[in-house]
PDB file of N, CA and C in Angstrom:
ATOM      1  N   UNK A   1      -2.460 -33.921  -9.305  1.00  0.00           N
ATOM      2  CA  UNK A   1      -3.218 -35.089  -8.902  1.00  0.00           C
ATOM      3  C   UNK A   1      -4.160 -35.501 -10.039  1.00  0.00           C
ATOM      4  N   UNK A   2      -4.114 -36.749 -10.433  1.00  0.00           N
ATOM      5  CA  UNK A   2      -4.993 -37.285 -11.468  1.00  0.00           C
ATOM      6  C   UNK A   2      -6.380 -37.493 -10.870  1.00  0.00           C
ATOM      7  N   UNK A   3      -7.385 -37.042 -11.612  1.00  0.00           N
ATOM      8  CA  UNK A   3      -8.776 -37.209 -11.179  1.00  0.00           C
ATOM      9  C   UNK A   3      -9.533 -38.001 -12.221  1.00  0.00           C
ATOM     10  N   UNK A   4     -10.650 -38.571 -11.831  1.00  0.00           N
ATOM     11  CA  UNK A   4     -11.517 -39.291 -12.764  1.00  0.00           C
ATOM     12  C   UNK A   4     -12.766 -38.468 -13.016  1.00  0.00           C
ATOM     13  N   UNK A   5     -13.243 -38.554 -14.269  1.00  0.00           N
ATOM     14  CA  UNK A   5     -14.429 -37.818 -14.664  1.00  0.00           C
ATOM     15  C   UNK A   5     -15.363 -38.728 -15.456  1.00  0.00           C
ATOM     16  N   UNK A   6     -16.650 -38.421 -15.393  1.00  0.00           N
ATOM     17  CA  UNK A   6     -17.659 -39.129 -16.177  1.00  0.00           C
ATOM     18  C   UNK A   6     -18.158 -38.159 -17.235  1.00  0.00           C
ATOM     19  N   UNK A   7     -18.218 -38.631 -18.464  1.00  0.00           N
ATOM     20  CA  UNK A   7     -18.716 -37.802 -19.561  1.00  0.00           C
ATOM     21  C   UNK A   7     -20.196 -37.489 -19.336  1.00  0.00           C
ATOM     22  N   UNK A   8     -20.553 -36.217 -19.456  1.00  0.00           N
ATOM     23  CA  UNK A   8     -21.941 -35.813 -19.282  1.00  0.00           C
ATOM     24  C   UNK A   8     -22.807 -36.451 -20.369  1.00  0.00           C
ATOM     25  N   UNK A   9     -23.979 -36.916 -19.998  1.00  0.00           N
ATOM     26  CA  UNK A   9     -24.855 -37.459 -21.039  1.00  0.00           C
ATOM     27  C   UNK A   9     -25.371 -36.313 -21.918  1.00  0.00           C
ATOM     28  N   UNK A  10     -25.202 -36.489 -23.212  1.00  0.00           N
ATOM     29  CA  UNK A  10     -25.640 -35.469 -24.152  1.00  0.00           C
ATOM     30  C   UNK A  10     -26.199 -36.169 -25.392  1.00  0.00           C
ATOM     31  N   UNK A  11     -27.264 -35.627 -25.934  1.00  0.00           N
ATOM     32  CA  UNK A  11     -27.864 -36.190 -27.141  1.00  0.00           C
ATOM     33  C   UNK A  11     -27.201 -35.539 -28.352  1.00  0.00           C
ATOM     34  N   UNK A  12     -26.742 -36.363 -29.287  1.00  0.00           N
ATOM     35  CA  UNK A  12     -26.096 -35.855 -30.497  1.00  0.00           C
ATOM     36  C   UNK A  12     -26.920 -36.273 -31.710  1.00  0.00           C
ATOM     37  N   UNK A  13     -26.676 -35.624 -32.820  1.00  0.00           N
ATOM     38  CA  UNK A  13     -27.253 -36.032 -34.093  1.00  0.00           C
ATOM     39  C   UNK A  13     -26.137 -36.672 -34.903  1.00  0.00           C
ATOM     40  N   UNK A  14     -26.459 -37.733 -35.617  1.00  0.00           N
ATOM     41  CA  UNK A  14     -25.451 -38.422 -36.420  1.00  0.00           C
ATOM     42  C   UNK A  14     -26.123 -39.144 -37.582  1.00  0.00           C
ATOM     43  N   UNK A  15     -25.322 -39.390 -38.611  1.00  0.00           N
ATOM     44  CA  UNK A  15     -25.777 -40.155 -39.769  1.00  0.00           C
ATOM     45  C   UNK A  15     -24.629 -41.063 -40.193  1.00  0.00           C
ATOM     46  N   UNK A  16     -24.955 -42.284 -40.565  1.00  0.00           N
ATOM     47  CA  UNK A  16     -23.919 -43.212 -41.019  1.00  0.00           C
ATOM     48  C   UNK A  16     -23.773 -43.104 -42.531  1.00  0.00           C
ATOM     49  N   UNK A  17     -22.529 -42.934 -42.982  1.00  0.00           N
ATOM     50  CA  UNK A  17     -22.221 -42.837 -44.403  1.00  0.00           C
ATOM     51  C   UNK A  17     -22.158 -44.235 -44.993  1.00  0.00           C
ATOM     52  N   UNK A  18     -23.030 -44.515 -45.959  1.00  0.00           N
ATOM     53  CA  UNK A  18     -23.099 -45.850 -46.562  1.00  0.00           C
ATOM     54  C   UNK A  18     -22.393 -45.923 -47.916  1.00  0.00           C
ATOM     55  N   UNK A  19     -21.985 -44.772 -48.429  1.00  0.00           N
ATOM     56  CA  UNK A  19     -21.407 -44.736 -49.768  1.00  0.00           C
ATOM     57  C   UNK A  19     -22.471 -44.521 -50.824  1.00  0.00           C
ATOM     58  N   UNK A  20     -23.736 -44.655 -50.424  1.00  0.00           N
ATOM     59  CA  UNK A  20     -24.847 -44.470 -51.360  1.00  0.00           C
ATOM     60  C   UNK A  20     -25.790 -43.357 -50.905  1.00  0.00           C
ATOM     61  N   UNK A  21     -25.464 -42.728 -49.783  1.00  0.00           N
ATOM     62  CA  UNK A  21     -26.323 -41.671 -49.253  1.00  0.00           C
ATOM     63  C   UNK A  21     -25.584 -40.328 -49.193  1.00  0.00           C
ATOM     64  N   UNK A  22     -24.776 -40.062 -50.218  1.00  0.00           N
ATOM     65  CA  UNK A  22     -23.984 -38.826 -50.280  1.00  0.00           C
ATOM     66  C   UNK A  22     -24.852 -37.582 -50.083  1.00  0.00           C
ATOM     67  N   UNK A  23     -25.959 -37.502 -50.815  1.00  0.00           N
ATOM     68  CA  UNK A  23     -26.802 -36.311 -50.761  1.00  0.00           C
ATOM     69  C   UNK A  23     -27.357 -36.086 -49.356  1.00  0.00           C
ATOM     70  N   UNK A  24     -27.790 -37.165 -48.714  1.00  0.00           N
ATOM     71  CA  UNK A  24     -28.327 -37.052 -47.359  1.00  0.00           C
ATOM     72  C   UNK A  24     -27.240 -36.591 -46.382  1.00  0.00           C
ATOM     73  N   UNK A  25     -26.032 -37.148 -46.524  1.00  0.00           N
ATOM     74  CA  UNK A  25     -24.921 -36.773 -45.647  1.00  0.00           C
ATOM     75  C   UNK A  25     -24.499 -35.323 -45.888  1.00  0.00           C
ATOM     76  N   UNK A  26     -24.451 -34.914 -47.159  1.00  0.00           N
ATOM     77  CA  UNK A  26     -24.077 -33.541 -47.483  1.00  0.00           C
ATOM     78  C   UNK A  26     -25.145 -32.553 -47.028  1.00  0.00           C
ATOM     79  N   UNK A  27     -26.392 -32.980 -47.007  1.00  0.00           N
ATOM     80  CA  UNK A  27     -27.465 -32.133 -46.500  1.00  0.00           C
ATOM     81  C   UNK A  27     -27.332 -31.965 -44.979  1.00  0.00           C
ATOM     82  N   UNK A  28     -27.001 -33.047 -44.288  1.00  0.00           N
ATOM     83  CA  UNK A  28     -26.810 -33.013 -42.823  1.00  0.00           C
ATOM     84  C   UNK A  28     -25.575 -32.208 -42.456  1.00  0.00           C
ATOM     85  N   UNK A  29     -24.489 -32.446 -43.166  1.00  0.00           N
ATOM     86  CA  UNK A  29     -23.198 -31.809 -42.886  1.00  0.00           C
ATOM     87  C   UNK A  29     -22.809 -30.980 -44.100  1.00  0.00           C
ATOM     88  N   UNK A  30     -23.329 -29.758 -44.161  1.00  0.00           N
ATOM     89  CA  UNK A  30     -23.149 -28.933 -45.360  1.00  0.00           C
ATOM     90  C   UNK A  30     -21.698 -28.530 -45.608  1.00  0.00           C
ATOM     91  N   UNK A  31     -20.817 -28.675 -44.627  1.00  0.00           N
ATOM     92  CA  UNK A  31     -19.410 -28.332 -44.826  1.00  0.00           C
ATOM     93  C   UNK A  31     -18.613 -29.488 -45.423  1.00  0.00           C
ATOM     94  N   UNK A  32     -19.225 -30.676 -45.498  1.00  0.00           N
ATOM     95  CA  UNK A  32     -18.543 -31.842 -46.080  1.00  0.00           C
ATOM     96  C   UNK A  32     -18.382 -31.630 -47.577  1.00  0.00           C
ATOM     97  N   UNK A  33     -17.404 -32.313 -48.144  1.00  0.00           N
ATOM     98  CA  UNK A  33     -17.230 -32.235 -49.592  1.00  0.00           C
ATOM     99  C   UNK A  33     -16.795 -33.585 -50.141  1.00  0.00           C
ATOM    100  N   UNK A  34     -17.116 -33.778 -51.380  1.00  0.00           N
ATOM    101  CA  UNK A  34     -16.759 -34.988 -52.104  1.00  0.00           C
ATOM    102  C   UNK A  34     -15.321 -34.837 -52.584  1.00  0.00           C
ATOM    103  N   UNK A  35     -14.441 -35.806 -52.305  1.00  0.00           N
ATOM    104  CA  UNK A  35     -13.052 -35.662 -52.755  1.00  0.00           C
ATOM    105  C   UNK A  35     -12.866 -35.809 -54.260  1.00  0.00           C
ATOM    106  N   UNK A  36     -13.951 -36.114 -54.976  1.00  0.00           N
ATOM    107  CA  UNK A  36     -13.942 -36.228 -56.443  1.00  0.00           C
ATOM    108  C   UNK A  36     -12.946 -37.266 -56.955  1.00  0.00           C
ATOM    109  N   UNK A  37     -12.897 -38.389 -56.283  1.00  0.00           N
ATOM    110  CA  UNK A  37     -12.130 -39.519 -56.820  1.00  0.00           C
ATOM    111  C   UNK A  37     -13.088 -40.692 -56.972  1.00  0.00           C
ATOM    112  N   UNK A  38     -12.600 -41.820 -57.334  1.00  0.00           N
ATOM    113  CA  UNK A  38     -13.470 -42.965 -57.606  1.00  0.00           C
ATOM    114  C   UNK A  38     -13.927 -43.710 -56.349  1.00  0.00           C
ATOM    115  N   UNK A  39     -13.382 -43.350 -55.206  1.00  0.00           N
ATOM    116  CA  UNK A  39     -13.759 -44.044 -53.966  1.00  0.00           C
ATOM    117  C   UNK A  39     -14.958 -43.364 -53.313  1.00  0.00           C
ATOM    118  N   UNK A  40     -15.831 -44.132 -52.665  1.00  0.00           N
ATOM    119  CA  UNK A  40     -16.971 -43.524 -51.966  1.00  0.00           C
ATOM    120  C   UNK A  40     -16.521 -42.960 -50.614  1.00  0.00           C
ATOM    121  N   UNK A  41     -16.045 -41.735 -50.608  1.00  0.00           N
ATOM    122  CA  UNK A  41     -15.596 -41.065 -49.397  1.00  0.00           C
ATOM    123  C   UNK A  41     -16.139 -39.646 -49.361  1.00  0.00           C
ATOM    124  N   UNK A  42     -16.104 -39.062 -48.191  1.00  0.00           N
ATOM    125  CA  UNK A  42     -16.391 -37.643 -48.020  1.00  0.00           C
ATOM    126  C   UNK A  42     -15.250 -37.040 -47.213  1.00  0.00           C
ATOM    127  N   UNK A  43     -15.015 -35.763 -47.382  1.00  0.00           N
ATOM    128  CA  UNK A  43     -14.037 -35.061 -46.563  1.00  0.00           C
ATOM    129  C   UNK A  43     -14.812 -34.158 -45.607  1.00  0.00           C
ATOM    130  N   UNK A  44     -14.520 -34.304 -44.315  1.00  0.00           N
ATOM    131  CA  UNK A  44     -15.185 -33.513 -43.288  1.00  0.00           C
ATOM    132  C   UNK A  44     -14.169 -32.528 -42.704  1.00  0.00           C
ATOM    133  N   UNK A  45     -14.356 -31.222 -42.929  1.00  0.00           N
ATOM    134  CA  UNK A  45     -13.488 -30.249 -42.265  1.00  0.00           C
ATOM    135  C   UNK A  45     -13.820 -30.213 -40.764  1.00  0.00           C
ATOM    136  N   UNK A  46     -12.809 -30.356 -39.924  1.00  0.00           N
ATOM    137  CA  UNK A  46     -13.014 -30.321 -38.470  1.00  0.00           C
ATOM    138  C   UNK A  46     -12.127 -29.230 -37.876  1.00  0.00           C
ATOM    139  N   UNK A  47     -12.244 -29.039 -36.580  1.00  0.00           N
ATOM    140  CA  UNK A  47     -11.409 -28.063 -35.892  1.00  0.00           C
ATOM    141  C   UNK A  47      -9.940 -28.454 -35.959  1.00  0.00           C
ATOM    142  N   UNK A  48      -9.657 -29.741 -36.140  1.00  0.00           N
ATOM    143  CA  UNK A  48      -8.283 -30.239 -36.199  1.00  0.00           C
ATOM    144  C   UNK A  48      -7.777 -30.425 -37.637  1.00  0.00           C
ATOM    145  N   UNK A  49      -8.571 -30.068 -38.617  1.00  0.00           N
ATOM    146  CA  UNK A  49      -8.190 -30.242 -40.011  1.00  0.00           C
ATOM    147  C   UNK A  49      -9.174 -31.134 -40.738  1.00  0.00           C
ATOM    148  N   UNK A  50      -8.882 -31.443 -41.989  1.00  0.00           N
ATOM    149  CA  UNK A  50      -9.771 -32.275 -42.806  1.00  0.00           C
ATOM    150  C   UNK A  50      -9.606 -33.750 -42.456  1.00  0.00           C
ATOM    151  N   UNK A  51     -10.730 -34.453 -42.325  1.00  0.00           N
ATOM    152  CA  UNK A  51     -10.723 -35.888 -42.053  1.00  0.00           C
ATOM    153  C   UNK A  51     -11.504 -36.613 -43.136  1.00  0.00           C
ATOM    154  N   UNK A  52     -11.021 -37.779 -43.504  1.00  0.00           N
ATOM    155  CA  UNK A  52     -11.682 -38.602 -44.501  1.00  0.00           C
ATOM    156  C   UNK A  52     -12.776 -39.423 -43.819  1.00  0.00           C
ATOM    157  N   UNK A  53     -13.962 -39.368 -44.368  1.00  0.00           N
ATOM    158  CA  UNK A  53     -15.086 -40.160 -43.883  1.00  0.00           C
ATOM    159  C   UNK A  53     -15.282 -41.297 -44.876  1.00  0.00           C
ATOM    160  N   UNK A  54     -15.066 -42.518 -44.425  1.00  0.00           N
ATOM    161  CA  UNK A  54     -15.167 -43.702 -45.278  1.00  0.00           C
ATOM    162  C   UNK A  54     -16.518 -44.380 -45.092  1.00  0.00           C
ATOM    163  N   UNK A  55     -16.830 -45.294 -45.984  1.00  0.00           N
ATOM    164  CA  UNK A  55     -18.074 -46.060 -45.881  1.00  0.00           C
ATOM    165  C   UNK A  55     -18.125 -46.745 -44.514  1.00  0.00           C
ATOM    166  N   UNK A  56     -19.245 -46.610 -43.835  1.00  0.00           N
ATOM    167  CA  UNK A  56     -19.443 -47.200 -42.512  1.00  0.00           C
ATOM    168  C   UNK A  56     -19.207 -46.211 -41.388  1.00  0.00           C
ATOM    169  N   UNK A  57     -18.446 -45.140 -41.645  1.00  0.00           N
ATOM    170  CA  UNK A  57     -18.197 -44.138 -40.609  1.00  0.00           C
ATOM    171  C   UNK A  57     -19.466 -43.349 -40.328  1.00  0.00           C
ATOM    172  N   UNK A  58     -19.545 -42.841 -39.120  1.00  0.00           N
ATOM    173  CA  UNK A  58     -20.643 -41.965 -38.724  1.00  0.00           C
ATOM    174  C   UNK A  58     -20.177 -40.526 -38.817  1.00  0.00           C
ATOM    175  N   UNK A  59     -21.070 -39.630 -39.216  1.00  0.00           N
ATOM    176  CA  UNK A  59     -20.811 -38.193 -39.175  1.00  0.00           C
ATOM    177  C   UNK A  59     -21.596 -37.669 -37.983  1.00  0.00           C
ATOM    178  N   UNK A  60     -20.880 -37.082 -37.033  1.00  0.00           N
ATOM    179  CA  UNK A  60     -21.496 -36.611 -35.789  1.00  0.00           C
ATOM    180  C   UNK A  60     -21.515 -35.088 -35.773  1.00  0.00           C
ATOM    181  N   UNK A  61     -22.647 -34.544 -35.336  1.00  0.00           N
ATOM    182  CA  UNK A  61     -22.738 -33.111 -35.071  1.00  0.00           C
ATOM    183  C   UNK A  61     -22.534 -32.936 -33.580  1.00  0.00           C
ATOM    184  N   UNK A  62     -21.467 -32.248 -33.193  1.00  0.00           N
ATOM    185  CA  UNK A  62     -21.117 -32.079 -31.789  1.00  0.00           C
ATOM    186  C   UNK A  62     -21.962 -31.034 -31.088  1.00  0.00           C
ATOM    187  N   UNK A  63     -21.719 -30.877 -29.798  1.00  0.00           N
ATOM    188  CA  UNK A  63     -22.518 -29.983 -28.965  1.00  0.00           C
ATOM    189  C   UNK A  63     -22.353 -28.512 -29.337  1.00  0.00           C
ATOM    190  N   UNK A  64     -21.259 -28.156 -30.000  1.00  0.00           N
ATOM    191  CA  UNK A  64     -21.032 -26.772 -30.415  1.00  0.00           C
ATOM    192  C   UNK A  64     -21.344 -26.568 -31.901  1.00  0.00           C
ATOM    193  N   UNK A  65     -22.003 -27.555 -32.529  1.00  0.00           N
ATOM    194  CA  UNK A  65     -22.367 -27.453 -33.937  1.00  0.00           C
ATOM    195  C   UNK A  65     -21.264 -27.895 -34.884  1.00  0.00           C
ATOM    196  N   UNK A  66     -20.169 -28.413 -34.342  1.00  0.00           N
ATOM    197  CA  UNK A  66     -19.063 -28.886 -35.170  1.00  0.00           C
ATOM    198  C   UNK A  66     -19.375 -30.286 -35.686  1.00  0.00           C
ATOM    199  N   UNK A  67     -18.721 -30.682 -36.754  1.00  0.00           N
ATOM    200  CA  UNK A  67     -18.917 -32.004 -37.342  1.00  0.00           C
ATOM    201  C   UNK A  67     -17.603 -32.761 -37.326  1.00  0.00           C
ATOM    202  N   UNK A  68     -17.701 -34.069 -37.181  1.00  0.00           N
ATOM    203  CA  UNK A  68     -16.515 -34.919 -37.269  1.00  0.00           C
ATOM    204  C   UNK A  68     -16.937 -36.353 -37.556  1.00  0.00           C
ATOM    205  N   UNK A  69     -16.083 -37.098 -38.266  1.00  0.00           N
ATOM    206  CA  UNK A  69     -16.378 -38.504 -38.530  1.00  0.00           C
ATOM    207  C   UNK A  69     -15.963 -39.368 -37.348  1.00  0.00           C
ATOM    208  N   UNK A  70     -16.600 -40.516 -37.234  1.00  0.00           N
ATOM    209  CA  UNK A  70     -16.308 -41.451 -36.149  1.00  0.00           C
ATOM    210  C   UNK A  70     -16.393 -42.874 -36.699  1.00  0.00           C
ATOM    211  N   UNK A  71     -15.376 -43.663 -36.428  1.00  0.00           N
ATOM    212  CA  UNK A  71     -15.366 -45.057 -36.873  1.00  0.00           C
ATOM    213  C   UNK A  71     -16.518 -45.810 -36.200  1.00  0.00           C
ATOM    214  N   UNK A  72     -17.145 -46.763 -36.915  1.00  0.00           N
ATOM    215  CA  UNK A  72     -18.325 -47.450 -36.377  1.00  0.00           C
ATOM    216  C   UNK A  72     -18.070 -48.180 -35.058  1.00  0.00           C
ATOM    217  N   UNK A  73     -16.892 -48.785 -34.893  1.00  0.00           N
ATOM    218  CA  UNK A  73     -16.637 -49.515 -33.645  1.00  0.00           C
ATOM    219  C   UNK A  73     -16.536 -48.563 -32.447  1.00  0.00           C
ATOM    220  N   UNK A  74     -16.025 -47.375 -32.636  1.00  0.00           N
ATOM    221  CA  UNK A  74     -15.966 -46.372 -31.564  1.00  0.00           C
ATOM    222  C   UNK A  74     -17.364 -45.821 -31.296  1.00  0.00           C
ATOM    223  N   UNK A  75     -18.114 -45.560 -32.369  1.00  0.00           N
ATOM    224  CA  UNK A  75     -19.475 -45.045 -32.235  1.00  0.00           C
ATOM    225  C   UNK A  75     -20.326 -46.009 -31.407  1.00  0.00           C
ATOM    226  N   UNK A  76     -20.242 -47.302 -31.713  1.00  0.00           N
ATOM    227  CA  UNK A  76     -21.041 -48.304 -31.011  1.00  0.00           C
ATOM    228  C   UNK A  76     -20.679 -48.399 -29.532  1.00  0.00           C
ATOM    229  N   UNK A  77     -19.414 -48.159 -29.187  1.00  0.00           N
ATOM    230  CA  UNK A  77     -18.985 -48.211 -27.785  1.00  0.00           C
ATOM    231  C   UNK A  77     -19.361 -46.937 -27.032  1.00  0.00           C
ATOM    232  N   UNK A  78     -19.587 -45.858 -27.753  1.00  0.00           N
ATOM    233  CA  UNK A  78     -19.787 -44.558 -27.131  1.00  0.00           C
ATOM    234  C   UNK A  78     -21.243 -44.116 -27.085  1.00  0.00           C
ATOM    235  N   UNK A  79     -22.019 -44.485 -28.094  1.00  0.00           N
ATOM    236  CA  UNK A  79     -23.391 -43.972 -28.224  1.00  0.00           C
ATOM    237  C   UNK A  79     -24.402 -45.104 -28.290  1.00  0.00           C
ATOM    238  N   UNK A  80     -25.610 -44.768 -27.868  1.00  0.00           N
ATOM    239  CA  UNK A  80     -26.756 -45.659 -28.034  1.00  0.00           C
ATOM    240  C   UNK A  80     -27.930 -44.814 -28.466  1.00  0.00           C
ATOM    241  N   UNK A  81     -28.919 -45.390 -29.136  1.00  0.00           N
ATOM    242  CA  UNK A  81     -30.060 -44.601 -29.607  1.00  0.00           C
ATOM    243  C   UNK A  81     -30.770 -43.876 -28.449  1.00  0.00           C
ATOM    244  N   UNK A  82     -31.155 -42.645 -28.685  1.00  0.00           N
ATOM    245  CA  UNK A  82     -31.917 -41.885 -27.693  1.00  0.00           C
ATOM    246  C   UNK A  82     -33.386 -42.205 -27.877  1.00  0.00           C
ATOM    247  N   UNK A  83     -34.019 -42.607 -26.790  1.00  0.00           N
ATOM    248  CA  UNK A  83     -35.409 -43.015 -26.792  1.00  0.00           C
ATOM    249  C   UNK A  83     -36.233 -42.261 -27.723  1.00  0.00           C
TER     250      UNK A  83
END
């Protein structure tokens, strides 16, 4: 039987990668690494493998301390600032 569920409200920490705040993002997400190419990207190791974090993406710290990138349009639909 299919059931419906509501996501529990949880406060997360996140930072948006601008392409100019590498040091701040690497400080927040110490497992991230620079792919060492000419593009402003970061590589975020996740439980599902390495993901590319592009300019505009958010880096989220999950409830278990894991990190993952999130596209801005998904972030805006899912999260709002915590008072």
